[in-house]
Amino acid sequence: MLDNVYVDDEPLRDKLVRCGVELLEREGIEGVSLRAITRAAEVSHGAPRRYFPTHKALLAAIAAEGLADLAVAVRSALVGGELPARDRLVALGWAYVRFADRRRAMFELMFRHDLLEGSGAELRRTSLPLFESLVALVDEATAGSADARERALGIWTGLHGMAVLAADRALQVIGDPQGAAALVGRTVDAHLATG
């Protein structure tokens, strides 16, 4: 038996995830049904079961793609390693908020634990290293403070709130994108100054 089934020279598993990502970006979470994905992939409705025993498992694979894309965006924002840790924290935060703004449906799915819990995908393997990057930068910015993890959690909570507001288009109320970028900086500074 073949390990990988191909459709149009693309492994079936990859095609199902790609079609799911495209549907998600175009139609939101509500549009990512198993039936819609198989229709977009032009395969039978039973074809996904080989790789994804449940709809949750397929949604988790789609969310994993988003988490990987977010990790790339964060790494790209941190390219200027010679910048002070505070500036790299702001760059990380701004990348996080921009990701939510640009990929609203993906961002929403990535944090919909009610949809993803029990999928067996172990999404924390992708998400925890992102948080650990934040902790390391806070540790560096605060010269190894004992509460770096707690401060990082405070920063992430603030950033996540801003990201959700950005994804919901609520940040537009405060004005131009520079206003939101400044808000990211103030959030980082507020948590670095505590202690």
N, C-alpha and C. Protein backbone atom coordinates (compact mmCIF):
# COMPACT_ATOMS: atom_id res chain seq x y z
N MET A 1 0.83 -1.18 0.00
CA MET A 1 0.00 0.00 0.00
C MET A 1 0.88 1.25 0.00
N LEU A 2 0.50 2.23 -0.77
CA LEU A 2 1.28 3.47 -0.87
C LEU A 2 1.14 4.29 0.40
N ASP A 3 2.26 4.89 0.83
CA ASP A 3 2.22 5.74 2.01
C ASP A 3 1.60 7.10 1.71
N ASN A 4 1.81 7.60 0.52
CA ASN A 4 1.32 8.91 0.15
C ASN A 4 0.47 8.80 -1.10
N VAL A 5 -0.73 9.32 -1.04
CA VAL A 5 -1.59 9.39 -2.21
C VAL A 5 -1.40 10.78 -2.80
N TYR A 6 -1.23 10.84 -4.12
CA TYR A 6 -1.01 12.12 -4.78
C TYR A 6 -2.22 12.50 -5.61
N VAL A 7 -2.52 13.80 -5.63
CA VAL A 7 -3.56 14.35 -6.48
C VAL A 7 -2.90 15.49 -7.25
N ASP A 8 -2.83 15.34 -8.57
CA ASP A 8 -2.18 16.36 -9.41
C ASP A 8 -0.75 16.62 -8.94
N ASP A 9 0.01 15.57 -8.69
CA ASP A 9 1.42 15.65 -8.27
C ASP A 9 1.62 16.31 -6.90
N GLU A 10 0.57 16.46 -6.14
CA GLU A 10 0.67 17.02 -4.78
C GLU A 10 0.18 15.96 -3.81
N PRO A 11 0.94 15.68 -2.75
CA PRO A 11 0.46 14.70 -1.77
C PRO A 11 -0.94 15.10 -1.28
N LEU A 12 -1.83 14.12 -1.17
CA LEU A 12 -3.21 14.38 -0.80
C LEU A 12 -3.30 15.12 0.53
N ARG A 13 -2.52 14.70 1.51
CA ARG A 13 -2.57 15.38 2.81
C ARG A 13 -2.27 16.86 2.65
N ASP A 14 -1.21 17.18 1.91
CA ASP A 14 -0.82 18.57 1.69
C ASP A 14 -1.91 19.34 0.95
N LYS A 15 -2.52 18.69 -0.04
CA LYS A 15 -3.56 19.36 -0.83
C LYS A 15 -4.78 19.65 0.04
N LEU A 16 -5.16 18.73 0.91
CA LEU A 16 -6.30 18.95 1.79
C LEU A 16 -6.04 20.13 2.73
N VAL A 17 -4.83 20.19 3.28
CA VAL A 17 -4.48 21.29 4.18
C VAL A 17 -4.44 22.60 3.41
N ARG A 18 -3.83 22.60 2.24
CA ARG A 18 -3.75 23.82 1.42
C ARG A 18 -5.14 24.32 1.05
N CYS A 19 -6.00 23.42 0.62
CA CYS A 19 -7.38 23.82 0.28
C CYS A 19 -8.11 24.34 1.51
N GLY A 20 -7.85 23.72 2.66
CA GLY A 20 -8.45 24.19 3.91
C GLY A 20 -7.99 25.59 4.26
N VAL A 21 -6.69 25.85 4.11
CA VAL A 21 -6.15 27.18 4.39
C VAL A 21 -6.78 28.21 3.45
N GLU A 22 -6.86 27.87 2.17
CA GLU A 22 -7.45 28.79 1.20
C GLU A 22 -8.92 29.08 1.53
N LEU A 23 -9.67 28.04 1.87
CA LEU A 23 -11.07 28.24 2.25
C LEU A 23 -11.19 29.09 3.50
N LEU A 24 -10.35 28.82 4.47
CA LEU A 24 -10.36 29.58 5.72
C LEU A 24 -10.12 31.06 5.45
N GLU A 25 -9.11 31.35 4.65
CA GLU A 25 -8.75 32.74 4.37
C GLU A 25 -9.86 33.44 3.58
N ARG A 26 -10.55 32.69 2.75
CA ARG A 26 -11.59 33.27 1.89
C ARG A 26 -12.95 33.35 2.57
N GLU A 27 -13.30 32.32 3.36
CA GLU A 27 -14.67 32.21 3.87
C GLU A 27 -14.79 32.19 5.39
N GLY A 28 -13.68 32.18 6.09
CA GLY A 28 -13.73 32.14 7.55
C GLY A 28 -13.93 30.72 8.05
N ILE A 29 -13.92 30.58 9.37
CA ILE A 29 -14.01 29.25 9.99
C ILE A 29 -15.27 28.52 9.57
N GLU A 30 -16.37 29.24 9.45
CA GLU A 30 -17.63 28.60 9.11
C GLU A 30 -17.59 27.92 7.74
N GLY A 31 -16.72 28.39 6.86
CA GLY A 31 -16.63 27.83 5.51
C GLY A 31 -15.71 26.64 5.38
N VAL A 32 -15.10 26.21 6.48
CA VAL A 32 -14.10 25.14 6.41
C VAL A 32 -14.72 23.82 6.88
N SER A 33 -15.72 23.38 6.17
CA SER A 33 -16.31 22.08 6.47
C SER A 33 -15.52 21.00 5.73
N LEU A 34 -15.67 19.78 6.18
CA LEU A 34 -15.02 18.66 5.51
C LEU A 34 -15.49 18.56 4.06
N ARG A 35 -16.78 18.74 3.86
CA ARG A 35 -17.36 18.68 2.51
C ARG A 35 -16.77 19.76 1.60
N ALA A 36 -16.64 20.99 2.13
CA ALA A 36 -16.09 22.08 1.33
C ALA A 36 -14.63 21.83 0.97
N ILE A 37 -13.88 21.29 1.91
CA ILE A 37 -12.46 21.02 1.64
C ILE A 37 -12.31 19.93 0.59
N THR A 38 -13.07 18.86 0.71
CA THR A 38 -12.96 17.78 -0.29
C THR A 38 -13.42 18.24 -1.66
N ARG A 39 -14.43 19.10 -1.70
CA ARG A 39 -14.89 19.65 -2.97
C ARG A 39 -13.79 20.49 -3.60
N ALA A 40 -13.15 21.35 -2.79
CA ALA A 40 -12.07 22.20 -3.30
C ALA A 40 -10.87 21.38 -3.75
N ALA A 41 -10.61 20.28 -3.05
CA ALA A 41 -9.47 19.41 -3.40
C ALA A 41 -9.82 18.44 -4.54
N GLU A 42 -11.11 18.39 -4.88
CA GLU A 42 -11.61 17.50 -5.93
C GLU A 42 -11.32 16.04 -5.62
N VAL A 43 -11.65 15.65 -4.39
CA VAL A 43 -11.50 14.26 -3.96
C VAL A 43 -12.80 13.81 -3.31
N SER A 44 -12.92 12.53 -3.08
CA SER A 44 -14.14 12.00 -2.46
C SER A 44 -14.24 12.47 -1.01
N HIS A 45 -15.44 12.45 -0.49
CA HIS A 45 -15.65 12.91 0.89
C HIS A 45 -14.96 12.02 1.91
N GLY A 46 -14.67 10.78 1.55
CA GLY A 46 -14.00 9.87 2.47
C GLY A 46 -12.48 9.95 2.41
N ALA A 47 -11.94 10.63 1.40
CA ALA A 47 -10.48 10.68 1.20
C ALA A 47 -9.71 11.25 2.39
N PRO A 48 -10.19 12.27 3.07
CA PRO A 48 -9.41 12.82 4.19
C PRO A 48 -9.22 11.86 5.36
N ARG A 49 -10.09 10.89 5.50
CA ARG A 49 -10.03 9.99 6.67
C ARG A 49 -8.70 9.25 6.77
N ARG A 50 -8.04 9.08 5.67
CA ARG A 50 -6.74 8.39 5.70
C ARG A 50 -5.71 9.16 6.52
N TYR A 51 -5.79 10.49 6.46
CA TYR A 51 -4.82 11.35 7.15
C TYR A 51 -5.41 12.06 8.36
N PHE A 52 -6.72 12.32 8.30
CA PHE A 52 -7.39 13.09 9.34
C PHE A 52 -8.64 12.34 9.78
N PRO A 53 -8.54 11.60 10.86
CA PRO A 53 -9.68 10.78 11.29
C PRO A 53 -10.90 11.61 11.71
N THR A 54 -10.67 12.88 12.07
CA THR A 54 -11.78 13.74 12.47
C THR A 54 -11.63 15.11 11.81
N HIS A 55 -12.72 15.83 11.79
CA HIS A 55 -12.69 17.20 11.28
C HIS A 55 -11.75 18.05 12.14
N LYS A 56 -11.74 17.81 13.46
CA LYS A 56 -10.83 18.53 14.36
C LYS A 56 -9.37 18.32 13.95
N ALA A 57 -9.04 17.12 13.56
CA ALA A 57 -7.66 16.83 13.16
C ALA A 57 -7.27 17.63 11.92
N LEU A 58 -8.19 17.76 10.98
CA LEU A 58 -7.91 18.56 9.78
C LEU A 58 -7.83 20.04 10.13
N LEU A 59 -8.72 20.52 10.97
CA LEU A 59 -8.65 21.92 11.41
C LEU A 59 -7.33 22.19 12.14
N ALA A 60 -6.88 21.25 12.94
CA ALA A 60 -5.61 21.41 13.66
C ALA A 60 -4.44 21.48 12.69
N ALA A 61 -4.48 20.69 11.63
CA ALA A 61 -3.41 20.75 10.61
C ALA A 61 -3.41 22.11 9.92
N ILE A 62 -4.58 22.66 9.70
CA ILE A 62 -4.69 24.00 9.10
C ILE A 62 -4.15 25.04 10.09
N ALA A 63 -4.52 24.92 11.35
CA ALA A 63 -4.02 25.84 12.39
C ALA A 63 -2.51 25.74 12.52
N ALA A 64 -1.97 24.54 12.39
CA ALA A 64 -0.51 24.35 12.48
C ALA A 64 0.20 25.13 11.37
N GLU A 65 -0.42 25.18 10.19
CA GLU A 65 0.16 25.98 9.09
C GLU A 65 0.21 27.45 9.50
N GLY A 66 -0.87 27.92 10.13
CA GLY A 66 -0.90 29.31 10.58
C GLY A 66 0.14 29.59 11.64
N LEU A 67 0.29 28.68 12.59
CA LEU A 67 1.30 28.85 13.63
C LEU A 67 2.70 28.87 13.03
N ALA A 68 2.93 28.04 12.03
CA ALA A 68 4.23 28.03 11.35
C ALA A 68 4.46 29.36 10.63
N ASP A 69 3.41 29.88 9.99
CA ASP A 69 3.53 31.18 9.31
C ASP A 69 3.78 32.30 10.31
N LEU A 70 3.12 32.24 11.46
CA LEU A 70 3.35 33.24 12.50
C LEU A 70 4.79 33.16 12.99
N ALA A 71 5.31 31.96 13.16
CA ALA A 71 6.71 31.79 13.59
C ALA A 71 7.66 32.41 12.58
N VAL A 72 7.38 32.25 11.30
CA VAL A 72 8.21 32.86 10.25
C VAL A 72 8.13 34.39 10.35
N ALA A 73 6.93 34.93 10.55
CA ALA A 73 6.76 36.38 10.67
C ALA A 73 7.53 36.92 11.88
N VAL A 74 7.49 36.18 12.99
CA VAL A 74 8.21 36.60 14.19
C VAL A 74 9.71 36.53 13.96
N ARG A 75 10.19 35.43 13.36
CA ARG A 75 11.63 35.31 13.08
C ARG A 75 12.09 36.44 12.17
N SER A 76 11.29 36.77 11.16
CA SER A 76 11.64 37.84 10.23
C SER A 76 11.73 39.19 10.96
N ALA A 77 10.82 39.39 11.90
CA ALA A 77 10.82 40.64 12.67
C ALA A 77 12.04 40.74 13.57
N LEU A 78 12.60 39.61 13.95
CA LEU A 78 13.73 39.60 14.88
C LEU A 78 15.08 39.51 14.18
N VAL A 79 15.09 39.69 12.87
CA VAL A 79 16.33 39.58 12.11
C VAL A 79 17.39 40.55 12.61
N GLY A 80 16.99 41.74 13.03
CA GLY A 80 17.96 42.73 13.52
C GLY A 80 18.44 42.39 14.92
N GLY A 81 19.15 41.29 15.07
CA GLY A 81 19.62 40.83 16.37
C GLY A 81 20.51 41.82 17.09
N GLU A 82 21.06 42.81 16.36
CA GLU A 82 21.93 43.80 17.00
C GLU A 82 21.12 44.90 17.69
N LEU A 83 19.81 44.93 17.46
CA LEU A 83 18.96 45.90 18.13
C LEU A 83 18.83 45.55 19.62
N PRO A 84 18.56 46.54 20.45
CA PRO A 84 18.33 46.25 21.88
C PRO A 84 17.13 45.30 22.02
N ALA A 85 17.14 44.53 23.09
CA ALA A 85 16.07 43.54 23.32
C ALA A 85 14.70 44.21 23.34
N ARG A 86 14.60 45.40 23.92
CA ARG A 86 13.32 46.11 23.96
C ARG A 86 12.79 46.35 22.55
N ASP A 87 13.65 46.77 21.64
CA ASP A 87 13.23 47.04 20.26
C ASP A 87 12.83 45.75 19.54
N ARG A 88 13.54 44.67 19.85
CA ARG A 88 13.16 43.39 19.25
C ARG A 88 11.82 42.90 19.80
N LEU A 89 11.55 43.19 21.09
CA LEU A 89 10.24 42.85 21.67
C LEU A 89 9.13 43.61 20.96
N VAL A 90 9.35 44.88 20.69
CA VAL A 90 8.35 45.68 19.99
C VAL A 90 8.16 45.15 18.57
N ALA A 91 9.25 44.78 17.91
CA ALA A 91 9.15 44.23 16.56
C ALA A 91 8.37 42.92 16.56
N LEU A 92 8.64 42.07 17.55
CA LEU A 92 7.90 40.82 17.70
C LEU A 92 6.41 41.11 17.90
N GLY A 93 6.11 42.04 18.80
CA GLY A 93 4.72 42.39 19.09
C GLY A 93 4.01 42.94 17.88
N TRP A 94 4.68 43.80 17.14
CA TRP A 94 4.07 44.40 15.95
C TRP A 94 3.83 43.32 14.89
N ALA A 95 4.74 42.37 14.75
CA ALA A 95 4.55 41.27 13.80
C ALA A 95 3.33 40.44 14.19
N TYR A 96 3.15 40.23 15.47
CA TYR A 96 2.01 39.45 15.99
C TYR A 96 0.70 40.16 15.68
N VAL A 97 0.64 41.46 15.95
CA VAL A 97 -0.58 42.23 15.70
C VAL A 97 -0.86 42.32 14.20
N ARG A 98 0.17 42.54 13.40
CA ARG A 98 -0.02 42.61 11.93
C ARG A 98 -0.50 41.27 11.38
N PHE A 99 0.03 40.16 11.90
CA PHE A 99 -0.41 38.84 11.44
C PHE A 99 -1.92 38.70 11.66
N ALA A 100 -2.38 39.07 12.84
CA ALA A 100 -3.81 38.97 13.15
C ALA A 100 -4.64 39.86 12.23
N ASP A 101 -4.12 41.05 11.95
CA ASP A 101 -4.83 41.99 11.10
C ASP A 101 -4.92 41.47 9.66
N ARG A 102 -3.83 40.90 9.17
CA ARG A 102 -3.77 40.44 7.77
C ARG A 102 -4.40 39.08 7.55
N ARG A 103 -4.38 38.24 8.58
CA ARG A 103 -4.88 36.86 8.42
C ARG A 103 -5.88 36.55 9.53
N ARG A 104 -6.92 37.33 9.53
CA ARG A 104 -7.92 37.32 10.59
C ARG A 104 -8.47 35.92 10.88
N ALA A 105 -8.95 35.24 9.85
CA ALA A 105 -9.57 33.93 10.05
C ALA A 105 -8.56 32.91 10.56
N MET A 106 -7.34 32.95 10.03
CA MET A 106 -6.31 32.02 10.50
C MET A 106 -5.99 32.30 11.96
N PHE A 107 -5.83 33.56 12.29
CA PHE A 107 -5.52 33.92 13.68
C PHE A 107 -6.62 33.42 14.61
N GLU A 108 -7.86 33.61 14.21
CA GLU A 108 -8.98 33.15 15.03
C GLU A 108 -8.93 31.63 15.22
N LEU A 109 -8.71 30.89 14.15
CA LEU A 109 -8.65 29.43 14.26
C LEU A 109 -7.52 28.98 15.16
N MET A 110 -6.37 29.61 15.06
CA MET A 110 -5.20 29.20 15.84
C MET A 110 -5.46 29.23 17.34
N PHE A 111 -6.39 30.07 17.76
CA PHE A 111 -6.66 30.20 19.19
C PHE A 111 -8.06 29.73 19.57
N ARG A 112 -8.69 28.96 18.71
CA ARG A 112 -10.01 28.40 19.01
C ARG A 112 -9.83 27.02 19.64
N HIS A 113 -9.44 27.02 20.89
CA HIS A 113 -9.19 25.77 21.60
C HIS A 113 -10.43 24.89 21.66
N ASP A 114 -11.61 25.52 21.63
CA ASP A 114 -12.83 24.72 21.64
C ASP A 114 -12.95 23.87 20.38
N LEU A 115 -12.40 24.35 19.26
CA LEU A 115 -12.44 23.59 18.01
C LEU A 115 -11.27 22.62 17.87
N LEU A 116 -10.14 22.96 18.49
CA LEU A 116 -8.91 22.20 18.27
C LEU A 116 -8.58 21.21 19.38
N GLU A 117 -9.15 21.41 20.56
CA GLU A 117 -8.85 20.53 21.68
C GLU A 117 -9.26 19.09 21.35
N GLY A 118 -8.37 18.17 21.66
CA GLY A 118 -8.65 16.76 21.40
C GLY A 118 -8.34 16.33 19.98
N SER A 119 -7.68 17.20 19.21
CA SER A 119 -7.37 16.86 17.81
C SER A 119 -6.18 15.92 17.72
N GLY A 120 -5.35 15.87 18.76
CA GLY A 120 -4.17 15.04 18.74
C GLY A 120 -3.00 15.66 17.99
N ALA A 121 -3.12 16.93 17.60
CA ALA A 121 -2.09 17.57 16.77
C ALA A 121 -0.92 18.12 17.56
N GLU A 122 -1.02 18.22 18.86
CA GLU A 122 0.06 18.76 19.69
C GLU A 122 0.53 20.13 19.19
N LEU A 123 -0.42 21.05 19.03
CA LEU A 123 -0.11 22.38 18.53
C LEU A 123 0.81 23.16 19.46
N ARG A 124 0.87 22.76 20.71
CA ARG A 124 1.75 23.46 21.65
C ARG A 124 3.22 23.32 21.26
N ARG A 125 3.55 22.29 20.51
CA ARG A 125 4.94 22.14 20.04
C ARG A 125 5.36 23.32 19.18
N THR A 126 4.39 23.91 18.48
CA THR A 126 4.67 25.07 17.64
C THR A 126 4.49 26.37 18.40
N SER A 127 3.46 26.43 19.24
CA SER A 127 3.16 27.69 19.91
C SER A 127 4.07 27.99 21.11
N LEU A 128 4.46 26.98 21.86
CA LEU A 128 5.31 27.22 23.04
C LEU A 128 6.68 27.83 22.69
N PRO A 129 7.34 27.40 21.60
CA PRO A 129 8.61 28.06 21.26
C PRO A 129 8.45 29.56 20.97
N LEU A 130 7.29 29.95 20.44
CA LEU A 130 7.04 31.38 20.22
C LEU A 130 7.01 32.13 21.55
N PHE A 131 6.33 31.55 22.53
CA PHE A 131 6.27 32.18 23.84
C PHE A 131 7.65 32.18 24.50
N GLU A 132 8.40 31.10 24.32
CA GLU A 132 9.75 31.04 24.91
C GLU A 132 10.66 32.09 24.29
N SER A 133 10.47 32.42 23.03
CA SER A 133 11.23 33.52 22.40
C SER A 133 10.92 34.83 23.10
N LEU A 134 9.66 35.04 23.41
CA LEU A 134 9.24 36.24 24.11
C LEU A 134 9.87 36.29 25.51
N VAL A 135 9.84 35.17 26.22
CA VAL A 135 10.44 35.10 27.56
C VAL A 135 11.94 35.42 27.48
N ALA A 136 12.63 34.86 26.51
CA ALA A 136 14.08 35.09 26.37
C ALA A 136 14.37 36.57 26.12
N LEU A 137 13.56 37.21 25.30
CA LEU A 137 13.77 38.64 25.04
C LEU A 137 13.49 39.48 26.29
N VAL A 138 12.45 39.13 27.01
CA VAL A 138 12.15 39.86 28.26
C VAL A 138 13.29 39.65 29.25
N ASP A 139 13.79 38.44 29.35
CA ASP A 139 14.91 38.14 30.24
C ASP A 139 16.12 39.00 29.88
N GLU A 140 16.40 39.09 28.58
CA GLU A 140 17.52 39.90 28.12
C GLU A 140 17.27 41.39 28.41
N ALA A 141 16.06 41.86 28.14
CA ALA A 141 15.74 43.28 28.31
C ALA A 141 15.74 43.69 29.78
N THR A 142 15.50 42.76 30.67
CA THR A 142 15.44 43.08 32.11
C THR A 142 16.65 42.56 32.86
N ALA A 143 17.71 42.23 32.12
CA ALA A 143 18.96 41.76 32.72
C ALA A 143 18.74 40.58 33.65
N GLY A 144 17.94 39.62 33.18
CA GLY A 144 17.74 38.38 33.92
C GLY A 144 16.87 38.51 35.16
N SER A 145 15.84 39.31 35.09
CA SER A 145 14.96 39.45 36.26
C SER A 145 14.29 38.13 36.59
N ALA A 146 14.02 37.94 37.85
CA ALA A 146 13.42 36.69 38.31
C ALA A 146 12.00 36.50 37.80
N ASP A 147 11.35 37.59 37.41
CA ASP A 147 9.96 37.49 36.96
C ASP A 147 9.81 37.68 35.45
N ALA A 148 10.84 37.32 34.68
CA ALA A 148 10.80 37.50 33.23
C ALA A 148 9.62 36.75 32.60
N ARG A 149 9.35 35.56 33.09
CA ARG A 149 8.25 34.76 32.53
C ARG A 149 6.91 35.45 32.79
N GLU A 150 6.74 35.97 33.99
CA GLU A 150 5.50 36.67 34.34
C GLU A 150 5.34 37.94 33.50
N ARG A 151 6.42 38.68 33.32
CA ARG A 151 6.38 39.88 32.48
C ARG A 151 6.06 39.51 31.03
N ALA A 152 6.66 38.44 30.54
CA ALA A 152 6.40 37.99 29.17
C ALA A 152 4.92 37.63 29.01
N LEU A 153 4.35 36.99 30.01
CA LEU A 153 2.94 36.65 29.95
C LEU A 153 2.08 37.91 29.91
N GLY A 154 2.46 38.91 30.68
CA GLY A 154 1.74 40.18 30.64
C GLY A 154 1.83 40.84 29.27
N ILE A 155 3.02 40.82 28.68
CA ILE A 155 3.19 41.39 27.33
C ILE A 155 2.36 40.62 26.33
N TRP A 156 2.44 39.30 26.39
CA TRP A 156 1.69 38.49 25.43
C TRP A 156 0.18 38.73 25.57
N THR A 157 -0.29 38.81 26.80
CA THR A 157 -1.71 39.06 27.03
C THR A 157 -2.12 40.38 26.40
N GLY A 158 -1.33 41.42 26.61
CA GLY A 158 -1.62 42.72 26.00
C GLY A 158 -1.57 42.67 24.49
N LEU A 159 -0.53 42.02 23.96
CA LEU A 159 -0.40 41.90 22.51
C LEU A 159 -1.55 41.11 21.91
N HIS A 160 -1.93 40.03 22.60
CA HIS A 160 -3.01 39.20 22.07
C HIS A 160 -4.32 40.00 22.05
N GLY A 161 -4.55 40.78 23.09
CA GLY A 161 -5.73 41.63 23.09
C GLY A 161 -5.73 42.60 21.92
N MET A 162 -4.58 43.23 21.69
CA MET A 162 -4.46 44.14 20.54
C MET A 162 -4.66 43.40 19.23
N ALA A 163 -4.10 42.19 19.14
CA ALA A 163 -4.22 41.40 17.91
C ALA A 163 -5.68 41.05 17.64
N VAL A 164 -6.40 40.67 18.67
CA VAL A 164 -7.83 40.36 18.51
C VAL A 164 -8.58 41.61 18.06
N LEU A 165 -8.28 42.73 18.68
CA LEU A 165 -8.92 43.99 18.27
C LEU A 165 -8.56 44.34 16.83
N ALA A 166 -7.31 44.10 16.44
CA ALA A 166 -6.90 44.37 15.07
C ALA A 166 -7.64 43.45 14.10
N ALA A 167 -7.74 42.17 14.45
CA ALA A 167 -8.43 41.22 13.59
C ALA A 167 -9.90 41.57 13.44
N ASP A 168 -10.49 42.13 14.48
CA ASP A 168 -11.90 42.54 14.43
C ASP A 168 -12.08 43.94 13.86
N ARG A 169 -10.98 44.54 13.42
CA ARG A 169 -10.97 45.88 12.85
C ARG A 169 -11.32 46.97 13.87
N ALA A 170 -11.26 46.65 15.14
CA ALA A 170 -11.58 47.62 16.19
C ALA A 170 -10.43 48.60 16.43
N LEU A 171 -9.19 48.24 16.08
CA LEU A 171 -8.06 49.15 16.28
C LEU A 171 -8.10 50.32 15.32
N GLN A 172 -8.85 50.20 14.25
CA GLN A 172 -8.94 51.31 13.29
C GLN A 172 -9.53 52.55 13.94
N VAL A 173 -10.25 52.36 15.03
CA VAL A 173 -10.86 53.48 15.75
C VAL A 173 -9.79 54.43 16.28
N ILE A 174 -8.61 53.90 16.63
CA ILE A 174 -7.58 54.77 17.22
C ILE A 174 -6.77 55.51 16.17
N GLY A 175 -7.02 55.27 14.90
CA GLY A 175 -6.33 56.03 13.86
C GLY A 175 -5.46 55.18 12.97
N ASP A 176 -4.39 55.77 12.51
CA ASP A 176 -3.53 55.12 11.52
C ASP A 176 -2.71 53.99 12.14
N PRO A 177 -2.09 53.15 11.30
CA PRO A 177 -1.31 52.03 11.82
C PRO A 177 -0.18 52.45 12.76
N GLN A 178 0.35 53.65 12.59
CA GLN A 178 1.41 54.10 13.50
C GLN A 178 0.89 54.20 14.92
N GLY A 179 -0.38 54.52 15.09
CA GLY A 179 -0.97 54.57 16.42
C GLY A 179 -0.94 53.21 17.08
N ALA A 180 -1.27 52.18 16.32
CA ALA A 180 -1.25 50.82 16.86
C ALA A 180 0.18 50.38 17.17
N ALA A 181 1.12 50.75 16.31
CA ALA A 181 2.53 50.40 16.55
C ALA A 181 3.02 51.05 17.84
N ALA A 182 2.62 52.29 18.06
CA ALA A 182 3.03 52.98 19.29
C ALA A 182 2.41 52.30 20.51
N LEU A 183 1.19 51.82 20.35
CA LEU A 183 0.51 51.12 21.45
C LEU A 183 1.26 49.83 21.80
N VAL A 184 1.78 49.15 20.80
CA VAL A 184 2.60 47.95 21.05
C VAL A 184 3.81 48.34 21.88
N GLY A 185 4.49 49.41 21.49
CA GLY A 185 5.66 49.87 22.23
C GLY A 185 5.34 50.23 23.67
N ARG A 186 4.21 50.92 23.88
CA ARG A 186 3.83 51.30 25.25
C ARG A 186 3.49 50.07 26.09
N THR A 187 2.88 49.06 25.47
CA THR A 187 2.56 47.83 26.19
C THR A 187 3.84 47.12 26.64
N VAL A 188 4.79 47.01 25.74
CA VAL A 188 6.08 46.39 26.07
C VAL A 188 6.76 47.18 27.18
N ASP A 189 6.82 48.50 27.02
CA ASP A 189 7.50 49.34 28.03
C ASP A 189 6.85 49.23 29.41
N ALA A 190 5.52 49.18 29.43
CA ALA A 190 4.82 49.09 30.72
C ALA A 190 5.21 47.82 31.47
N HIS A 191 5.34 46.73 30.76
CA HIS A 191 5.68 45.47 31.43
C HIS A 191 7.17 45.35 31.74
N LEU A 192 8.00 46.00 30.95
CA LEU A 192 9.43 45.98 31.25
C LEU A 192 9.73 46.85 32.46
N ALA A 193 8.92 47.87 32.68
CA ALA A 193 9.15 48.81 33.78
C ALA A 193 8.65 48.28 35.13
N THR A 194 7.79 47.25 35.11
CA THR A 194 7.27 46.73 36.37
C THR A 194 8.36 45.99 37.13
N GLY A 195 8.17 45.84 38.39
CA GLY A 195 9.12 45.02 39.14
C GLY A 195 9.80 45.72 40.25
